[in-house]
Protein backbone atom coordinates (compact mmCIF):
# COMPACT_ATOMS: atom_id res chain seq x y z
CA MET A 1 102.41 92.02 124.38
CA ASN A 2 99.91 89.61 125.98
CA LEU A 3 96.60 91.44 126.48
CA THR A 4 93.53 90.65 128.56
CA TYR A 5 90.21 92.17 129.56
CA LYS A 6 90.10 90.27 132.86
CA VAL A 7 91.04 93.18 135.12
CA ASN A 8 89.99 93.99 138.66
CA VAL A 9 91.11 97.09 140.58
CA TRP A 10 91.04 96.80 144.38
CA GLU A 11 90.54 99.43 147.03
CA LEU A 12 93.52 101.49 148.21
CA LYS A 13 95.75 99.82 150.77
CA VAL A 14 97.22 101.95 153.55
CA LEU A 15 100.34 100.75 155.37
CA GLN A 16 100.53 101.40 159.07
CA PRO A 17 103.59 103.10 160.61
CA GLY A 18 106.59 100.88 161.34
CA LYS A 19 107.57 99.42 164.69
CA ASN A 20 109.57 102.54 165.45
CA GLY A 21 106.43 104.65 164.97
CA LYS A 22 107.73 106.42 161.88
CA ARG A 23 105.41 106.98 158.92
CA ARG A 24 106.29 104.96 155.86
CA HIS A 25 107.69 106.84 152.87
CA LYS A 26 104.98 105.54 150.48
CA PRO A 27 102.11 104.16 152.54
CA TYR A 28 99.29 104.32 149.94
CA GLY A 29 99.13 101.38 147.55
CA VAL A 30 97.17 100.94 144.30
CA ARG A 31 96.59 97.24 143.68
CA TRP A 32 94.99 95.44 140.77
CA ILE A 33 95.00 92.06 139.05
CA THR A 34 95.19 91.10 135.34
CA ALA A 35 94.27 87.52 134.42
CA GLY A 36 95.56 86.20 137.75
CA HIS A 37 98.70 88.39 137.92
CA GLU A 38 98.80 90.85 140.83
CA HIS A 39 100.31 94.34 140.49
CA SER A 40 100.85 97.27 142.84
CA GLU A 41 102.18 100.81 142.86
CA TRP A 42 102.86 102.86 146.01
CA TYR A 43 102.57 106.60 146.56
CA ALA A 44 103.45 109.14 149.23
CA THR A 45 100.01 110.78 149.34
CA LYS A 46 96.46 109.49 149.15
CA LYS A 47 95.63 112.03 146.44
CA LEU A 48 98.26 110.62 144.07
CA ALA A 49 97.14 107.07 144.79
CA ASP A 50 93.47 107.91 144.13
CA LYS A 51 94.42 109.63 140.86
CA ARG A 52 96.31 106.54 139.68
CA ARG A 53 93.50 104.18 140.71
CA ASN A 54 90.87 106.28 138.91
CA LYS A 55 93.03 106.26 135.76
CA LEU A 56 93.16 102.48 135.78
CA ILE A 57 89.41 102.26 136.33
CA SER A 58 88.74 104.70 133.46
CA ALA A 59 90.86 102.61 131.09
CA MET A 60 89.02 99.49 132.17
CA GLU A 61 85.58 101.12 131.69
CA ASP A 62 86.62 102.41 128.24
CA GLY A 63 87.20 98.82 127.17
CA GLU A 64 90.98 99.13 126.86
CA PRO A 65 92.85 95.82 127.27
CA PHE A 66 95.65 95.48 129.83
CA ASP A 67 99.05 93.88 129.41
CA ILE A 68 99.19 90.80 131.63
CA VAL A 69 102.92 91.01 132.39
CA THR A 70 103.24 94.71 133.25
CA GLY A 71 99.63 95.20 134.33
CA LEU A 72 99.42 98.47 132.38
CA PRO A 73 96.71 99.57 129.93
CA LYS A 74 97.70 98.88 126.35
CA SER A 75 98.31 102.54 125.45
CA GLU A 76 100.45 103.10 128.52
CA ALA A 77 102.41 99.89 128.02
CA GLN A 78 103.17 100.84 124.42
CA GLU A 79 104.31 104.30 125.47
CA ARG A 80 106.64 102.97 128.16
CA SER A 81 108.14 100.32 125.88
CA ALA A 82 108.71 102.72 122.98
CA ARG A 83 112.26 102.43 121.69
CA THR A 84 114.38 105.52 121.66
CA LEU A 85 116.62 106.12 118.66
CA LEU A 86 119.62 105.28 120.84
CA ARG A 87 118.13 101.96 121.91
CA LEU A 88 117.10 101.06 118.36
CA ALA A 89 120.62 101.87 117.12
CA GLN A 90 122.12 99.68 119.87
CA GLU A 91 119.86 96.78 118.91
CA PHE A 92 120.69 97.22 115.22
CA VAL A 93 124.45 97.25 115.80
CA ALA A 94 124.25 94.21 118.09
CA HIS A 95 122.17 92.37 115.46
CA GLU A 96 124.55 93.16 112.59
CA TRP A 97 127.84 92.92 114.49
CA LYS A 98 128.59 89.22 114.22
CA GLY A 99 128.25 88.92 110.46
CA ALA A 100 129.79 92.30 109.55
CA ALA A 101 133.38 93.03 108.61
CA PRO A 102 135.32 95.24 111.06
CA ASN A 103 135.22 98.30 108.81
CA THR A 104 131.48 97.79 108.26
CA ARG A 105 131.02 97.72 112.03
CA LYS A 106 132.98 100.94 112.30
CA ARG A 107 130.87 102.55 109.57
CA TYR A 108 127.64 101.58 111.37
CA VAL A 109 128.80 102.97 114.70
CA ASP A 110 130.32 106.19 113.32
CA THR A 111 127.25 106.89 111.18
CA LEU A 112 124.57 106.20 113.80
CA ALA A 113 126.31 108.42 116.36
CA ILE A 114 125.29 111.43 114.23
CA PRO A 115 121.47 111.01 114.19
CA VAL A 116 121.39 109.70 117.78
CA ALA A 117 123.10 112.87 118.99
CA GLU A 118 120.75 114.97 116.86
CA PHE A 119 117.37 113.44 117.79
CA VAL A 120 117.04 114.45 121.45
CA THR A 121 114.31 115.94 123.65
CA ALA A 122 116.18 119.12 124.60
CA THR A 123 119.55 120.79 124.30
CA LYS A 124 119.71 121.91 127.95
CA GLY A 125 122.83 120.54 129.59
CA ARG A 126 124.06 119.13 126.28
CA PRO A 127 127.67 117.88 126.58
CA ASP A 128 130.50 118.99 124.35
CA GLU A 129 129.96 117.60 120.84
CA ARG A 130 133.31 115.83 120.70
CA VAL A 131 132.81 114.21 124.10
CA LEU A 132 129.30 113.06 123.16
CA ARG A 133 130.50 111.63 119.83
CA ARG A 134 133.37 109.84 121.58
CA VAL A 135 130.99 108.28 124.12
CA LEU A 136 128.62 107.06 121.41
CA THR A 137 131.25 105.62 119.07
CA GLY A 138 133.54 104.23 121.75
CA HIS A 139 131.01 102.93 124.26
CA LEU A 140 127.23 103.22 124.00
CA LEU A 141 126.79 102.01 120.41
CA LEU A 142 129.13 99.06 120.82
CA PRO A 143 127.78 95.66 121.94
CA GLN A 144 127.88 95.10 125.69
CA ASP A 145 130.92 92.78 125.58
CA LYS A 146 132.92 95.38 123.59
CA ARG A 147 132.53 98.20 126.12
CA THR A 148 135.85 97.61 127.82
CA ARG A 149 137.09 101.19 128.21
CA GLU A 150 136.37 103.05 131.44
CA LEU A 151 134.67 106.40 130.95
CA SER A 152 136.00 109.63 132.38
CA PRO A 153 133.67 111.75 134.57
CA ASP A 154 132.82 113.99 131.59
CA GLU A 155 132.14 110.98 129.37
CA LEU A 156 130.01 109.31 132.04
CA ALA A 157 127.92 112.46 132.38
CA ALA A 158 127.53 112.60 128.58
CA ALA A 159 126.42 108.97 128.51
CA ARG A 160 123.76 109.58 131.15
CA TRP A 161 122.56 112.69 129.32
CA ILE A 162 122.07 111.02 125.93
CA GLU A 163 120.38 107.99 127.51
CA ALA A 164 117.84 110.30 129.15
CA ALA A 165 117.49 112.75 126.25
CA SER A 166 117.18 110.34 123.30
CA ARG A 167 113.66 110.57 121.86
CA PRO A 168 111.36 107.65 120.96
CA VAL A 169 111.90 106.73 117.34
CA LYS A 170 108.14 106.60 116.69
CA GLU A 171 108.02 110.40 117.13
CA LEU A 172 109.95 110.94 113.89
CA ASN A 173 108.05 112.91 111.28
CA LYS A 174 108.99 113.93 107.74
CA ILE A 175 110.56 117.23 108.76
CA GLU A 176 112.66 115.68 111.52
CA THR A 177 113.71 112.84 109.23
CA ALA A 178 114.89 115.35 106.65
CA THR A 179 116.85 117.13 109.39
CA LEU A 180 118.55 113.87 110.34
CA LEU A 181 119.42 113.20 106.70
CA ARG A 182 120.96 116.64 106.33
CA SER A 183 123.00 116.13 109.49
CA LEU A 184 124.67 113.15 107.82
CA GLY A 185 126.19 115.53 105.29
CA GLN A 186 128.38 117.19 107.91
CA ASN A 187 131.46 115.99 109.73
CA LEU A 188 132.34 116.79 113.31
CA GLY A 189 133.02 120.52 113.50
CA GLY A 190 130.49 121.42 110.80
CA LYS A 191 132.63 120.75 107.74
CA PRO A 192 130.74 119.20 104.79
CA ALA A 193 131.32 115.50 104.21
CA ALA A 194 132.22 114.04 100.83
CA ASP A 195 129.33 113.02 98.59
CA TRP A 196 130.28 109.34 98.77
CA THR A 197 130.48 109.50 102.57
CA THR A 198 127.05 111.16 102.77
CA ARG A 199 125.42 108.56 100.53
CA THR A 200 126.98 105.74 102.54
CA ARG A 201 125.74 107.22 105.80
CA ARG A 202 122.23 107.60 104.43
CA GLY A 203 122.28 103.97 103.40
CA VAL A 204 123.14 102.98 106.97
CA LEU A 205 120.28 105.11 108.33
CA HIS A 206 117.90 103.49 105.85
CA HIS A 207 118.97 100.02 107.06
CA LEU A 208 118.49 101.12 110.68
CA PHE A 209 114.89 102.16 110.08
CA LYS A 210 114.22 99.04 108.02
CA PHE A 211 115.39 97.07 111.05
CA GLY A 212 113.05 99.20 113.17
CA VAL A 213 110.10 98.25 110.94
CA ASP A 214 110.96 94.55 111.23
CA ALA A 215 111.27 94.95 115.01
CA GLU A 216 107.84 96.68 115.09
CA ALA A 217 109.35 99.81 116.64
CA ILE A 218 107.95 101.99 113.82
CA PRO A 219 105.15 101.33 111.32
CA ALA A 220 107.10 102.38 108.21
CA ASN A 221 110.58 103.45 107.13
CA PRO A 222 110.59 107.28 107.38
CA VAL A 223 113.54 107.59 104.98
CA THR A 224 111.66 105.97 102.10
CA GLY A 225 110.36 108.62 99.73
CA GLN A 226 112.37 111.44 101.28
CA LYS A 227 113.94 113.66 98.63
CA ALA A 228 116.86 114.34 100.94
CA ALA A 229 117.51 110.60 101.08
CA SER A 230 119.14 110.63 97.66
CA GLN A 231 122.07 112.77 96.68
CA ARG A 232 123.90 112.72 93.41
CA GLY A 233 127.48 113.76 93.71
CA ASN A 234 129.73 115.01 90.95
CA SER A 235 131.60 111.97 89.64
CA GLU A 236 133.87 114.06 87.39
CA VAL A 237 137.49 113.96 88.52
CA ASP A 238 139.41 117.22 88.66
CA PRO A 239 142.57 116.69 86.53
CA ARG A 240 144.44 119.18 88.71
CA VAL A 241 144.42 116.76 91.66
CA VAL A 242 145.29 113.60 89.71
CA VAL A 243 148.90 112.52 89.35
CA ASN A 244 149.88 112.48 85.67
CA PRO A 245 152.22 109.79 84.23
CA ASP A 246 155.34 111.96 84.45
CA GLN A 247 154.65 112.89 88.05
CA ALA A 248 153.91 109.25 88.87
CA ARG A 249 157.28 108.10 87.52
CA SER A 250 159.05 110.81 89.53
CA CYS A 251 157.19 109.86 92.71
CA LEU A 252 157.93 106.15 92.21
CA ALA A 253 161.61 106.92 91.74
CA ALA A 254 161.60 109.06 94.88
CA VAL A 255 160.24 106.32 97.14
CA THR A 256 163.26 104.13 96.37
CA TYR A 257 165.43 106.68 98.19
CA ALA A 258 163.32 106.65 101.38
CA GLY A 259 165.19 105.93 104.60
CA ARG A 260 168.82 106.31 105.53
CA ARG A 261 169.93 102.96 104.13
CA PRO A 262 169.70 102.74 100.33
CA GLY A 263 167.31 100.05 99.10
CA ARG A 264 165.68 99.50 102.51
CA PHE A 265 162.27 100.59 101.24
CA GLU A 266 162.71 99.52 97.63
CA TYR A 267 159.58 97.37 97.89
CA LEU A 268 157.55 100.60 98.09
CA PHE A 269 158.23 101.07 94.37
CA GLY A 270 156.22 97.96 93.58
CA PHE A 271 153.57 98.77 96.16
CA PHE A 272 152.76 102.23 94.82
CA ALA A 273 153.34 101.26 91.18
CA THR A 274 150.71 98.55 91.52
CA MET A 275 148.26 101.02 93.04
CA TYR A 276 148.85 103.56 90.27
CA TYR A 277 149.01 101.38 87.16
CA ALA A 278 146.51 98.68 88.19
CA ALA A 279 144.14 101.02 90.09
CA MET A 280 144.27 98.80 93.18
CA ARG A 281 143.61 99.71 96.78
CA PRO A 282 146.27 99.29 99.49
CA CYS A 283 144.30 96.44 101.11
CA GLU A 284 144.37 94.54 97.79
CA VAL A 285 148.08 95.11 97.22
CA ASN A 286 148.79 93.87 100.77
CA ARG A 287 147.56 90.39 99.86
CA LEU A 288 149.03 90.21 96.34
CA ARG A 289 151.51 87.33 95.86
CA GLU A 290 153.95 86.51 93.10
CA GLN A 291 151.86 83.57 91.92
CA ASP A 292 148.94 85.98 91.44
CA CYS A 293 150.89 88.11 88.95
CA LYS A 294 151.01 87.31 85.24
CA LEU A 295 153.59 89.84 84.07
CA PRO A 296 155.09 89.47 80.57
CA GLU A 297 158.33 91.20 79.62
CA SER A 298 156.33 93.75 77.61
CA GLY A 299 152.72 94.75 77.09
CA TRP A 300 149.73 94.25 79.36
CA GLY A 301 149.77 91.92 82.33
CA GLU A 302 147.14 90.49 84.66
CA LEU A 303 146.80 90.49 88.45
CA LEU A 304 144.54 87.93 90.12
CA LEU A 305 143.00 89.33 93.30
CA GLU A 306 142.13 86.38 95.49
CA LYS A 307 142.15 88.15 98.88
CA ARG A 308 142.53 91.56 100.43
CA SER A 309 143.78 92.70 103.80
CA ALA A 310 142.40 95.79 105.55
CA THR A 311 142.74 97.35 108.98
CA SER A 312 140.27 98.61 111.54
CA SER A 313 140.45 100.32 114.92
CA GLY A 314 140.52 98.37 118.17
CA GLY A 315 136.82 98.56 119.08
CA HIS A 316 135.77 97.04 115.77
CA ARG A 317 138.42 94.35 115.37
CA ALA A 318 137.93 91.03 113.65
CA ARG A 319 136.99 87.91 115.62
CA SER A 320 140.67 87.08 115.98
CA GLY A 321 141.15 90.28 117.98
CA ARG A 322 143.60 91.71 115.44
CA CYS A 323 143.33 95.07 113.76
CA ARG A 324 144.23 93.59 110.35
CA PHE A 325 141.72 91.20 108.80
CA ARG A 326 141.47 89.31 105.51
CA ARG A 327 138.56 89.07 103.10
CA ARG A 328 137.87 87.37 99.81
CA SER A 329 138.18 89.68 96.83
CA SER A 330 136.87 89.77 93.28
CA PRO A 331 138.17 86.90 91.12
CA SER A 332 140.38 88.96 88.83
CA CYS A 333 141.50 92.43 87.93
CA GLY A 334 143.34 93.65 84.84
CA GLY A 335 146.55 95.60 85.34
CA THR A 336 149.61 96.78 83.55
CA SER A 337 153.32 96.43 84.19
CA THR A 338 156.68 97.24 82.71
CA PRO A 339 159.82 95.05 82.56
CA SER A 340 161.72 97.39 84.89
CA ALA A 341 159.04 97.17 87.57
CA ARG A 342 158.31 93.48 87.26
CA HIS A 343 160.56 92.14 90.04
CA ARG A 344 159.60 94.99 92.37
CA MET A 345 155.87 94.46 91.89
CA ALA A 346 156.28 90.81 92.76
CA GLY A 347 158.37 91.75 95.75
CA CYS A 348 155.72 94.05 97.19
CA SER A 349 154.16 91.01 98.90
CA GLU A 350 156.99 91.17 101.43
CA GLY A 351 156.13 94.74 102.42
């Protein structure tokens, strides 16, 4: 904001009726100049024009500087340029998009749709929650060049509503911040989210407000110091929901009979056996190759995880435009194998 004290407010200008004799819609003009830049605003009545002119003069007499570009007093210019939470979220996603993995992009968009829909001026005329969430995640929070899907009439109305109803982020206080943090603990429909999901979402919100501080949209990160910002989940695993070794062997044997043709899906034995015995994720098994497996005839083996392959939905695809993308993985991971599963585990790379 480029400020100046060189301000001069001129007398009201009144436009005469047009050539057809009709009165102009807004004939009364308020004109002023800031450091050589002329500005004007037009009104339908003289009373409104006088009120606006007197407001500008009062700001000038109070010693308030004016913005040269917009011509507005500093306080008014700051109020008009205040970022809404929706706009700040859009800027954050656009800033992080290029360097983020597709699933990270999806996590940013899905998470920020929750507080943006929550922090609004009023609930009057609020669209259906599912429609509003779909508009935010599939259109408004994506970068401009990713908004390729045409909106339905209901979605278009929801988009216009949230753009008008989203509140300035500088209006956040401690109570409202705590409310936003609690909203991250619920999924669509009101069901509670998993502890890990909630913590991840709160981390995204913290990064959003940190970006807002750097962008000078807010003076400080409102999440910092909030008790609701930290949540400790129960890391203990319920043994009733974990597959025991006997059940695992039965399940692995069952997958070899999948399909109508025997042996067609035999590679699934190696795929799921690697996940179970080596505690690997599907995206890591997808990129495992035979040369990465050190599998002796008996005893412990070793799997070297050089890369991993994950998937993401269309709106958050990798730069190649594909839903599946590759990433570097940790240098190594210990695993276990058995002689009977050795050839199948190596063959899972074909799956």
